Amino acid sequence: MIQEDAAGGDLKQLYDQLQEPWGGVDNILKIHSLNPPSLRAHFEFYKTLMRGQSGLGRLQRQIKPLARTLQRKGVEDCRGALAGV
């Protein structure tokens, strides 16, 4: 996985576009760093899921996968794990 400070060329341009407000690129995107076209495709897919037309708000779209992950890890009552979200 190539970090932001080591990126060059097309990858650096992509990282510059994908930089989050906290100053970096999410690891889920950086796993594609050895294949910039894959990175671009993953981000376009993510953008469609998270920002496309839907009956769900952005927070709801983020909480649903989190709840599924917690279920898979054996947390039976996700409401307690998500309290305050």
Protein backbone atom coordinates (compact mmCIF):
# COMPACT_ATOMS: atom_id res chain seq x y z
CA MET A 1 0.00 0.00 0.00
CA ILE A 2 1.49 3.32 -1.07
CA GLN A 3 1.12 6.16 1.43
CA GLU A 4 0.20 9.68 0.38
CA ASP A 5 3.72 11.07 0.85
CA ALA A 6 5.21 8.36 -1.39
CA ALA A 7 2.68 8.64 -4.23
CA GLY A 8 3.64 10.01 -7.61
CA GLY A 9 2.11 10.51 -11.05
CA ASP A 10 -1.51 9.40 -11.53
CA LEU A 11 -1.69 8.01 -8.02
CA LYS A 12 -0.70 11.34 -6.48
CA GLN A 13 -3.32 13.12 -8.57
CA LEU A 14 -5.97 10.65 -7.39
CA TYR A 15 -4.87 10.96 -3.76
CA ASP A 16 -5.07 14.75 -4.05
CA GLN A 17 -8.67 14.43 -5.29
CA LEU A 18 -9.62 11.87 -2.63
CA GLN A 19 -8.06 13.58 0.37
CA GLU A 20 -10.47 13.72 3.30
CA PRO A 21 -10.98 16.75 5.56
CA TRP A 22 -8.76 15.11 8.17
CA GLY A 23 -5.85 15.34 5.71
CA GLY A 24 -5.44 11.83 4.35
CA VAL A 25 -6.93 9.16 2.11
CA ASP A 26 -9.03 6.39 3.61
CA ASN A 27 -7.26 3.03 3.86
CA ILE A 28 -10.12 1.32 2.02
CA LEU A 29 -9.08 3.36 -1.02
CA LYS A 30 -5.32 3.12 -0.48
CA ILE A 31 -5.46 -0.68 -0.81
CA HIS A 32 -5.85 0.01 -4.54
CA SER A 33 -2.70 2.13 -4.65
CA LEU A 34 -0.79 -0.32 -6.86
CA ASN A 35 -3.56 -0.15 -9.45
CA PRO A 36 -4.81 3.45 -9.93
CA PRO A 37 -7.60 2.46 -12.38
CA SER A 38 -8.95 0.11 -9.70
CA LEU A 39 -8.77 2.95 -7.16
CA ARG A 40 -10.72 5.23 -9.47
CA ALA A 41 -13.36 2.52 -10.11
CA HIS A 42 -13.72 1.75 -6.39
CA PHE A 43 -14.23 5.43 -5.59
CA GLU A 44 -16.83 5.85 -8.35
CA PHE A 45 -18.70 2.81 -6.99
CA TYR A 46 -18.52 4.20 -3.43
CA LYS A 47 -19.66 7.62 -4.61
CA THR A 48 -22.68 6.08 -6.33
CA LEU A 49 -23.62 4.12 -3.20
CA MET A 50 -23.09 6.91 -0.71
CA ARG A 51 -24.08 10.00 -2.67
CA GLY A 52 -26.52 8.74 -5.32
CA GLN A 53 -30.28 9.08 -5.09
CA SER A 54 -31.76 7.01 -2.29
CA GLY A 55 -34.40 7.09 0.40
CA LEU A 56 -31.62 6.89 3.00
CA GLY A 57 -29.59 9.78 4.38
CA ARG A 58 -25.79 9.62 4.44
CA LEU A 59 -25.62 8.70 8.12
CA GLN A 60 -28.09 5.86 7.60
CA ARG A 61 -26.02 4.59 4.67
CA GLN A 62 -22.93 4.50 6.88
CA ILE A 63 -24.62 2.93 9.91
CA LYS A 64 -26.15 -0.02 8.05
CA PRO A 65 -22.81 -1.56 6.96
CA LEU A 66 -21.39 -0.88 10.43
CA ALA A 67 -24.30 -2.72 12.04
CA ARG A 68 -23.76 -5.69 9.69
CA THR A 69 -20.07 -5.78 10.57
CA LEU A 70 -20.85 -5.75 14.28
CA GLN A 71 -23.34 -8.58 13.79
CA ARG A 72 -20.75 -10.66 11.97
CA LYS A 73 -18.30 -10.06 14.83
CA GLY A 74 -20.81 -11.41 17.33
CA VAL A 75 -22.32 -8.23 18.73
CA GLU A 76 -25.91 -9.36 19.16
CA ASP A 77 -27.44 -6.00 20.06
CA CYS A 78 -26.00 -3.36 17.73
CA ARG A 79 -28.10 -0.67 19.38
CA GLY A 80 -25.80 -0.66 22.39
CA ALA A 81 -22.71 -0.53 20.21
CA LEU A 82 -24.16 2.36 18.23
CA ALA A 83 -25.45 4.40 21.17
CA GLY A 84 -24.74 8.07 20.69
CA VAL A 85 -24.26 7.81 16.93
